[in-house]
Every structure is written in C-alpha cells, then in structure tokens.
Amino acid sequence: MVKELKHIYLSDLHFDHKIWLNQLSFCEDELEIFNARLGDLIKRNNTTDFAGAAESLQNRIIRQNEVVDEIKHEVKAHEKSLATFAEDHPIAVDHVYFSDHKDLREKMDTFIKLYDEFKNEFTRFSAKWL
C-alpha cells in the first residue's frame, strides 16, 4: 500500500504521470495483441460455447480500451493544469507543495489490479480453447 502523501512537489506529480501514461500505452499495445490472439482463436473454434465466451471477452477488450482512454485523458488533463501553473509561476514551481492526486492514484491502482485480473482470465481462456 502506498503511503498517502498530503503535499508533494510538482516534479513528483509529473513523475507519476509519466509512469502512468507509459503503463497505459503498454496496456493499449497488449490489448491489440489480445485482440489479434482472440481473432486467431475465433478462426479455429466454431462451437456455440466458444462463440459466447469469445464475444464476452471481445466486449471486455473493448471496455478495457475505453477505460485506458478515459484514464489517459484524466492524466493528461491534470498534467496540462500543472504545466499551466508552472508557466504562470516559473519561480515558485520548485518551492511550492501541491496536493497529491489521490483520486487519480487510486483510479490507476484499481485499473492495474482489474487489468491484471483480465489478463489472467484471457490467458486461461486462450489455454482452454487452443
């Protein structure tokens, strides 16, 4: 569990943003791979059981991509507001504490947890229908 920070520096927030955006970009790349893999499995399997499970998984891939886009938008919006502050207050930026972006941090933590669960489910699904 990450210790809750009450006030941190702009550079700390910026670091979080960079890490999160990299993680989200990686997830986007992985989701493309999962989608391609699902397409391969669809070509090989034509049972009713498979079709229902594959459609559900395909919908989850779509939803994961939507969540990635939503979080990326929030992170970029927060980064933009911090950049505007830095432009407007260039001298103060290294000496001012900022409020921690706790809500965004929690949203990212939750996403990563749920995304890891999704990846595990996809791996089990893929192994089942080889």
N, C-alpha and C. Protein backbone atom coordinates (compact mmCIF):
# COMPACT_ATOMS: atom_id res chain seq x y z
N MET A 1 0.85 -1.18 0.00
CA MET A 1 0.00 0.00 0.00
C MET A 1 0.89 1.23 0.00
N VAL A 2 0.56 2.17 -0.85
CA VAL A 2 1.33 3.40 -0.96
C VAL A 2 0.93 4.33 0.18
N LYS A 3 1.91 4.90 0.84
CA LYS A 3 1.64 5.86 1.90
C LYS A 3 0.98 7.08 1.28
N GLU A 4 -0.10 7.54 1.89
CA GLU A 4 -0.80 8.71 1.37
C GLU A 4 0.05 9.96 1.58
N LEU A 5 0.28 10.66 0.49
CA LEU A 5 1.04 11.90 0.54
C LEU A 5 0.07 13.07 0.57
N LYS A 6 0.28 14.00 1.48
CA LYS A 6 -0.63 15.14 1.55
C LYS A 6 -0.15 16.27 0.65
N HIS A 7 1.12 16.55 0.65
CA HIS A 7 1.67 17.62 -0.18
C HIS A 7 2.96 17.13 -0.82
N ILE A 8 3.06 17.31 -2.11
CA ILE A 8 4.25 16.87 -2.82
C ILE A 8 4.65 17.93 -3.84
N TYR A 9 5.82 17.74 -4.41
CA TYR A 9 6.33 18.68 -5.40
C TYR A 9 5.77 18.38 -6.79
N LEU A 10 5.79 19.39 -7.63
CA LEU A 10 5.32 19.26 -9.00
C LEU A 10 6.08 18.14 -9.73
N SER A 11 7.38 18.04 -9.50
CA SER A 11 8.17 17.01 -10.17
C SER A 11 7.71 15.60 -9.78
N ASP A 12 7.22 15.43 -8.56
CA ASP A 12 6.72 14.13 -8.12
C ASP A 12 5.42 13.77 -8.86
N LEU A 13 4.56 14.75 -9.01
CA LEU A 13 3.31 14.53 -9.74
C LEU A 13 3.61 14.21 -11.21
N HIS A 14 4.54 14.97 -11.77
CA HIS A 14 4.91 14.76 -13.17
C HIS A 14 5.49 13.35 -13.35
N PHE A 15 6.29 12.90 -12.42
CA PHE A 15 6.86 11.55 -12.48
C PHE A 15 5.73 10.50 -12.51
N ASP A 16 4.76 10.64 -11.62
CA ASP A 16 3.62 9.72 -11.61
C ASP A 16 2.93 9.71 -12.96
N HIS A 17 2.70 10.89 -13.51
CA HIS A 17 2.02 10.99 -14.80
C HIS A 17 2.79 10.24 -15.89
N LYS A 18 4.10 10.42 -15.92
CA LYS A 18 4.91 9.74 -16.93
C LYS A 18 4.82 8.23 -16.79
N ILE A 19 4.92 7.74 -15.56
CA ILE A 19 4.82 6.30 -15.32
C ILE A 19 3.45 5.78 -15.73
N TRP A 20 2.40 6.47 -15.32
CA TRP A 20 1.05 6.02 -15.64
C TRP A 20 0.79 6.02 -17.14
N LEU A 21 1.22 7.07 -17.83
CA LEU A 21 1.00 7.12 -19.27
C LEU A 21 1.77 6.00 -19.98
N ASN A 22 2.95 5.70 -19.50
CA ASN A 22 3.70 4.57 -20.07
C ASN A 22 2.97 3.25 -19.82
N GLN A 23 2.48 3.05 -18.61
CA GLN A 23 1.74 1.83 -18.29
C GLN A 23 0.49 1.71 -19.17
N LEU A 24 -0.21 2.81 -19.34
CA LEU A 24 -1.43 2.78 -20.14
C LEU A 24 -1.13 2.51 -21.61
N SER A 25 -0.05 3.07 -22.12
CA SER A 25 0.35 2.80 -23.51
C SER A 25 0.71 1.33 -23.68
N PHE A 26 1.39 0.77 -22.69
CA PHE A 26 1.73 -0.65 -22.73
C PHE A 26 0.45 -1.49 -22.75
N CYS A 27 -0.52 -1.11 -21.94
CA CYS A 27 -1.80 -1.83 -21.91
C CYS A 27 -2.49 -1.77 -23.27
N GLU A 28 -2.45 -0.61 -23.91
CA GLU A 28 -3.04 -0.49 -25.25
C GLU A 28 -2.38 -1.47 -26.22
N ASP A 29 -1.06 -1.54 -26.17
CA ASP A 29 -0.33 -2.47 -27.04
C ASP A 29 -0.72 -3.92 -26.74
N GLU A 30 -0.79 -4.24 -25.46
CA GLU A 30 -1.18 -5.60 -25.06
C GLU A 30 -2.59 -5.93 -25.52
N LEU A 31 -3.49 -4.97 -25.40
CA LEU A 31 -4.88 -5.21 -25.80
C LEU A 31 -4.97 -5.49 -27.30
N GLU A 32 -4.12 -4.86 -28.09
CA GLU A 32 -4.07 -5.17 -29.53
C GLU A 32 -3.62 -6.62 -29.74
N ILE A 33 -2.64 -7.04 -28.96
CA ILE A 33 -2.15 -8.42 -29.05
C ILE A 33 -3.24 -9.40 -28.64
N PHE A 34 -3.94 -9.09 -27.54
CA PHE A 34 -5.03 -9.96 -27.08
C PHE A 34 -6.12 -10.05 -28.14
N ASN A 35 -6.44 -8.92 -28.75
CA ASN A 35 -7.49 -8.90 -29.77
C ASN A 35 -7.09 -9.75 -30.97
N ALA A 36 -5.82 -9.65 -31.39
CA ALA A 36 -5.33 -10.47 -32.50
C ALA A 36 -5.37 -11.95 -32.13
N ARG A 37 -4.98 -12.27 -30.91
CA ARG A 37 -5.00 -13.66 -30.43
C ARG A 37 -6.42 -14.18 -30.42
N LEU A 38 -7.35 -13.37 -29.97
CA LEU A 38 -8.75 -13.77 -29.95
C LEU A 38 -9.23 -14.03 -31.38
N GLY A 39 -8.81 -13.20 -32.32
CA GLY A 39 -9.16 -13.42 -33.72
C GLY A 39 -8.64 -14.76 -34.22
N ASP A 40 -7.43 -15.12 -33.85
CA ASP A 40 -6.88 -16.43 -34.22
C ASP A 40 -7.71 -17.57 -33.64
N LEU A 41 -8.08 -17.42 -32.38
CA LEU A 41 -8.88 -18.46 -31.72
C LEU A 41 -10.26 -18.59 -32.36
N ILE A 42 -10.83 -17.46 -32.77
CA ILE A 42 -12.15 -17.47 -33.41
C ILE A 42 -12.10 -18.25 -34.72
N LYS A 43 -11.00 -18.09 -35.46
CA LYS A 43 -10.84 -18.81 -36.73
C LYS A 43 -10.79 -20.33 -36.52
N ARG A 44 -10.27 -20.76 -35.37
CA ARG A 44 -10.08 -22.19 -35.10
C ARG A 44 -11.27 -22.86 -34.42
N ASN A 45 -12.13 -22.07 -33.80
CA ASN A 45 -13.22 -22.65 -32.99
C ASN A 45 -14.55 -22.11 -33.50
N ASN A 46 -15.51 -23.02 -33.67
CA ASN A 46 -16.83 -22.57 -34.13
C ASN A 46 -17.97 -23.16 -33.32
N THR A 47 -17.70 -23.54 -32.09
CA THR A 47 -18.77 -24.08 -31.25
C THR A 47 -19.57 -22.94 -30.63
N THR A 48 -20.77 -23.25 -30.23
CA THR A 48 -21.65 -22.26 -29.60
C THR A 48 -21.07 -21.79 -28.27
N ASP A 49 -20.52 -22.73 -27.49
CA ASP A 49 -19.91 -22.36 -26.20
C ASP A 49 -18.79 -21.37 -26.41
N PHE A 50 -17.98 -21.65 -27.39
CA PHE A 50 -16.84 -20.76 -27.67
C PHE A 50 -17.33 -19.38 -28.11
N ALA A 51 -18.29 -19.35 -29.01
CA ALA A 51 -18.76 -18.08 -29.57
C ALA A 51 -19.24 -17.13 -28.48
N GLY A 52 -20.00 -17.64 -27.53
CA GLY A 52 -20.50 -16.80 -26.43
C GLY A 52 -19.37 -16.28 -25.56
N ALA A 53 -18.45 -17.18 -25.24
CA ALA A 53 -17.31 -16.78 -24.40
C ALA A 53 -16.41 -15.80 -25.14
N ALA A 54 -16.21 -16.02 -26.43
CA ALA A 54 -15.35 -15.13 -27.22
C ALA A 54 -15.98 -13.74 -27.35
N GLU A 55 -17.28 -13.69 -27.54
CA GLU A 55 -17.95 -12.40 -27.65
C GLU A 55 -17.84 -11.62 -26.34
N SER A 56 -18.01 -12.30 -25.24
CA SER A 56 -17.87 -11.66 -23.93
C SER A 56 -16.46 -11.11 -23.74
N LEU A 57 -15.48 -11.90 -24.12
CA LEU A 57 -14.09 -11.47 -23.99
C LEU A 57 -13.79 -10.30 -24.92
N GLN A 58 -14.33 -10.34 -26.12
CA GLN A 58 -14.14 -9.25 -27.07
C GLN A 58 -14.73 -7.95 -26.51
N ASN A 59 -15.90 -8.04 -25.90
CA ASN A 59 -16.52 -6.86 -25.27
C ASN A 59 -15.65 -6.33 -24.13
N ARG A 60 -15.03 -7.23 -23.40
CA ARG A 60 -14.15 -6.80 -22.30
C ARG A 60 -12.90 -6.12 -22.83
N ILE A 61 -12.37 -6.58 -23.95
CA ILE A 61 -11.23 -5.92 -24.57
C ILE A 61 -11.61 -4.51 -24.98
N ILE A 62 -12.78 -4.37 -25.58
CA ILE A 62 -13.27 -3.05 -25.97
C ILE A 62 -13.39 -2.15 -24.75
N ARG A 63 -13.97 -2.68 -23.68
CA ARG A 63 -14.14 -1.89 -22.45
C ARG A 63 -12.80 -1.52 -21.83
N GLN A 64 -11.86 -2.43 -21.84
CA GLN A 64 -10.53 -2.12 -21.30
C GLN A 64 -9.91 -0.96 -22.08
N ASN A 65 -10.05 -0.97 -23.40
CA ASN A 65 -9.53 0.12 -24.21
C ASN A 65 -10.21 1.45 -23.87
N GLU A 66 -11.50 1.40 -23.62
CA GLU A 66 -12.23 2.62 -23.24
C GLU A 66 -11.72 3.16 -21.91
N VAL A 67 -11.51 2.28 -20.95
CA VAL A 67 -11.01 2.71 -19.64
C VAL A 67 -9.61 3.30 -19.77
N VAL A 68 -8.77 2.67 -20.57
CA VAL A 68 -7.43 3.22 -20.80
C VAL A 68 -7.54 4.64 -21.35
N ASP A 69 -8.40 4.83 -22.34
CA ASP A 69 -8.58 6.17 -22.92
C ASP A 69 -9.08 7.18 -21.89
N GLU A 70 -10.02 6.76 -21.06
CA GLU A 70 -10.57 7.65 -20.03
C GLU A 70 -9.49 8.08 -19.04
N ILE A 71 -8.72 7.13 -18.57
CA ILE A 71 -7.68 7.45 -17.58
C ILE A 71 -6.58 8.30 -18.22
N LYS A 72 -6.19 7.95 -19.45
CA LYS A 72 -5.17 8.76 -20.14
C LYS A 72 -5.64 10.21 -20.28
N HIS A 73 -6.90 10.39 -20.59
CA HIS A 73 -7.45 11.74 -20.71
C HIS A 73 -7.35 12.49 -19.39
N GLU A 74 -7.71 11.82 -18.30
CA GLU A 74 -7.63 12.46 -16.97
C GLU A 74 -6.20 12.81 -16.60
N VAL A 75 -5.28 11.90 -16.86
CA VAL A 75 -3.87 12.15 -16.52
C VAL A 75 -3.35 13.34 -17.34
N LYS A 76 -3.65 13.34 -18.63
CA LYS A 76 -3.18 14.42 -19.49
C LYS A 76 -3.80 15.77 -19.09
N ALA A 77 -5.06 15.76 -18.70
CA ALA A 77 -5.72 17.00 -18.25
C ALA A 77 -5.05 17.52 -16.98
N HIS A 78 -4.74 16.62 -16.06
CA HIS A 78 -4.07 17.04 -14.82
C HIS A 78 -2.68 17.56 -15.12
N GLU A 79 -1.98 16.87 -16.01
CA GLU A 79 -0.64 17.30 -16.41
C GLU A 79 -0.69 18.69 -17.04
N LYS A 80 -1.71 18.92 -17.86
CA LYS A 80 -1.86 20.22 -18.52
C LYS A 80 -2.10 21.32 -17.49
N SER A 81 -2.91 21.05 -16.49
CA SER A 81 -3.17 22.07 -15.46
C SER A 81 -1.90 22.37 -14.67
N LEU A 82 -1.09 21.35 -14.42
CA LEU A 82 0.17 21.57 -13.72
C LEU A 82 1.16 22.34 -14.60
N ALA A 83 1.18 22.05 -15.87
CA ALA A 83 2.06 22.77 -16.80
C ALA A 83 1.66 24.23 -16.89
N THR A 84 0.38 24.50 -16.88
CA THR A 84 -0.10 25.89 -16.91
C THR A 84 0.35 26.62 -15.65
N PHE A 85 0.24 25.96 -14.49
CA PHE A 85 0.71 26.57 -13.26
C PHE A 85 2.20 26.87 -13.35
N ALA A 86 2.96 25.91 -13.86
CA ALA A 86 4.42 26.09 -13.96
C ALA A 86 4.77 27.24 -14.89
N GLU A 87 4.03 27.41 -15.97
CA GLU A 87 4.27 28.52 -16.89
C GLU A 87 3.93 29.85 -16.23
N ASP A 88 2.84 29.87 -15.47
CA ASP A 88 2.39 31.11 -14.84
C ASP A 88 3.22 31.48 -13.62
N HIS A 89 3.87 30.50 -12.99
CA HIS A 89 4.65 30.73 -11.76
C HIS A 89 6.01 30.03 -11.85
N PRO A 90 6.85 30.43 -12.78
CA PRO A 90 8.11 29.70 -13.00
C PRO A 90 9.06 29.68 -11.81
N ILE A 91 9.06 30.72 -11.01
CA ILE A 91 9.98 30.76 -9.87
C ILE A 91 9.45 29.93 -8.71
N ALA A 92 8.16 29.96 -8.50
CA ALA A 92 7.56 29.29 -7.35
C ALA A 92 7.48 27.77 -7.52
N VAL A 93 7.57 27.29 -8.74
CA VAL A 93 7.28 25.89 -9.00
C VAL A 93 8.17 24.92 -8.22
N ASP A 94 9.41 25.27 -7.96
CA ASP A 94 10.31 24.39 -7.21
C ASP A 94 10.18 24.54 -5.70
N HIS A 95 9.36 25.48 -5.25
CA HIS A 95 9.25 25.77 -3.82
C HIS A 95 7.84 25.60 -3.28
N VAL A 96 6.92 25.20 -4.15
CA VAL A 96 5.52 25.10 -3.76
C VAL A 96 5.14 23.63 -3.64
N TYR A 97 4.40 23.32 -2.59
CA TYR A 97 3.83 21.98 -2.45
C TYR A 97 2.50 21.94 -3.17
N PHE A 98 2.19 20.79 -3.72
CA PHE A 98 0.91 20.59 -4.38
C PHE A 98 0.14 19.51 -3.63
N SER A 99 -1.16 19.52 -3.79
CA SER A 99 -1.97 18.45 -3.21
C SER A 99 -1.72 17.19 -4.02
N ASP A 100 -1.65 16.08 -3.32
CA ASP A 100 -1.46 14.82 -4.00
C ASP A 100 -2.68 14.51 -4.85
N HIS A 101 -2.47 13.85 -5.97
CA HIS A 101 -3.58 13.46 -6.84
C HIS A 101 -4.08 12.07 -6.42
N LYS A 102 -4.59 12.03 -5.21
CA LYS A 102 -5.01 10.78 -4.57
C LYS A 102 -6.08 10.05 -5.39
N ASP A 103 -7.07 10.78 -5.88
CA ASP A 103 -8.15 10.13 -6.64
C ASP A 103 -7.62 9.49 -7.91
N LEU A 104 -6.74 10.19 -8.59
CA LEU A 104 -6.15 9.66 -9.80
C LEU A 104 -5.24 8.46 -9.50
N ARG A 105 -4.50 8.55 -8.42
CA ARG A 105 -3.64 7.44 -7.99
C ARG A 105 -4.49 6.20 -7.68
N GLU A 106 -5.59 6.38 -6.97
CA GLU A 106 -6.47 5.26 -6.64
C GLU A 106 -7.11 4.68 -7.90
N LYS A 107 -7.50 5.54 -8.82
CA LYS A 107 -8.10 5.08 -10.07
C LYS A 107 -7.09 4.24 -10.85
N MET A 108 -5.85 4.69 -10.89
CA MET A 108 -4.81 3.96 -11.61
C MET A 108 -4.52 2.63 -10.92
N ASP A 109 -4.42 2.63 -9.60
CA ASP A 109 -4.18 1.40 -8.85
C ASP A 109 -5.30 0.38 -9.09
N THR A 110 -6.53 0.85 -9.07
CA THR A 110 -7.67 -0.03 -9.31
C THR A 110 -7.64 -0.58 -10.73
N PHE A 111 -7.35 0.29 -11.69
CA PHE A 111 -7.28 -0.16 -13.07
C PHE A 111 -6.23 -1.26 -13.23
N ILE A 112 -5.05 -1.05 -12.70
CA ILE A 112 -3.97 -2.03 -12.84
C ILE A 112 -4.39 -3.37 -12.23
N LYS A 113 -5.02 -3.32 -11.08
CA LYS A 113 -5.47 -4.55 -10.42
C LYS A 113 -6.49 -5.28 -11.31
N LEU A 114 -7.48 -4.56 -11.80
CA LEU A 114 -8.51 -5.18 -12.64
C LEU A 114 -7.95 -5.63 -13.99
N TYR A 115 -7.02 -4.86 -14.52
CA TYR A 115 -6.40 -5.22 -15.79
C TYR A 115 -5.59 -6.52 -15.64
N ASP A 116 -4.88 -6.66 -14.55
CA ASP A 116 -4.12 -7.89 -14.30
C ASP A 116 -5.07 -9.09 -14.20
N GLU A 117 -6.22 -8.90 -13.56
CA GLU A 117 -7.21 -9.97 -13.48
C GLU A 117 -7.72 -10.33 -14.87
N PHE A 118 -7.96 -9.31 -15.69
CA PHE A 118 -8.41 -9.54 -17.06
C PHE A 118 -7.36 -10.35 -17.83
N LYS A 119 -6.10 -9.99 -17.70
CA LYS A 119 -5.03 -10.70 -18.40
C LYS A 119 -4.98 -12.16 -17.99
N ASN A 120 -5.14 -12.42 -16.70
CA ASN A 120 -5.15 -13.80 -16.21
C ASN A 120 -6.33 -14.58 -16.79
N GLU A 121 -7.50 -13.95 -16.84
CA GLU A 121 -8.67 -14.60 -17.41
C GLU A 121 -8.46 -14.87 -18.90
N PHE A 122 -7.86 -13.92 -19.60
CA PHE A 122 -7.61 -14.11 -21.03
C PHE A 122 -6.66 -15.27 -21.25
N THR A 123 -5.64 -15.37 -20.43
CA THR A 123 -4.66 -16.46 -20.55
C THR A 123 -5.34 -17.81 -20.32
N ARG A 124 -6.20 -17.89 -19.31
CA ARG A 124 -6.93 -19.14 -19.05
C ARG A 124 -7.86 -19.47 -20.22
N PHE A 125 -8.55 -18.47 -20.74
CA PHE A 125 -9.44 -18.66 -21.87
C PHE A 125 -8.66 -19.17 -23.08
N SER A 126 -7.56 -18.54 -23.36
CA SER A 126 -6.73 -18.90 -24.51
C SER A 126 -6.23 -20.34 -24.38
N ALA A 127 -5.78 -20.71 -23.21
CA ALA A 127 -5.29 -22.07 -22.98
C ALA A 127 -6.41 -23.10 -23.15
N LYS A 128 -7.60 -22.75 -22.73
CA LYS A 128 -8.75 -23.67 -22.81
C LYS A 128 -9.13 -23.95 -24.25
N TRP A 129 -9.03 -22.94 -25.10
CA TRP A 129 -9.54 -23.07 -26.47
C TRP A 129 -8.45 -23.24 -27.52
N LEU A 130 -7.26 -23.63 -27.12
CA LEU A 130 -6.19 -23.90 -28.09
C LEU A 130 -6.55 -25.02 -29.04
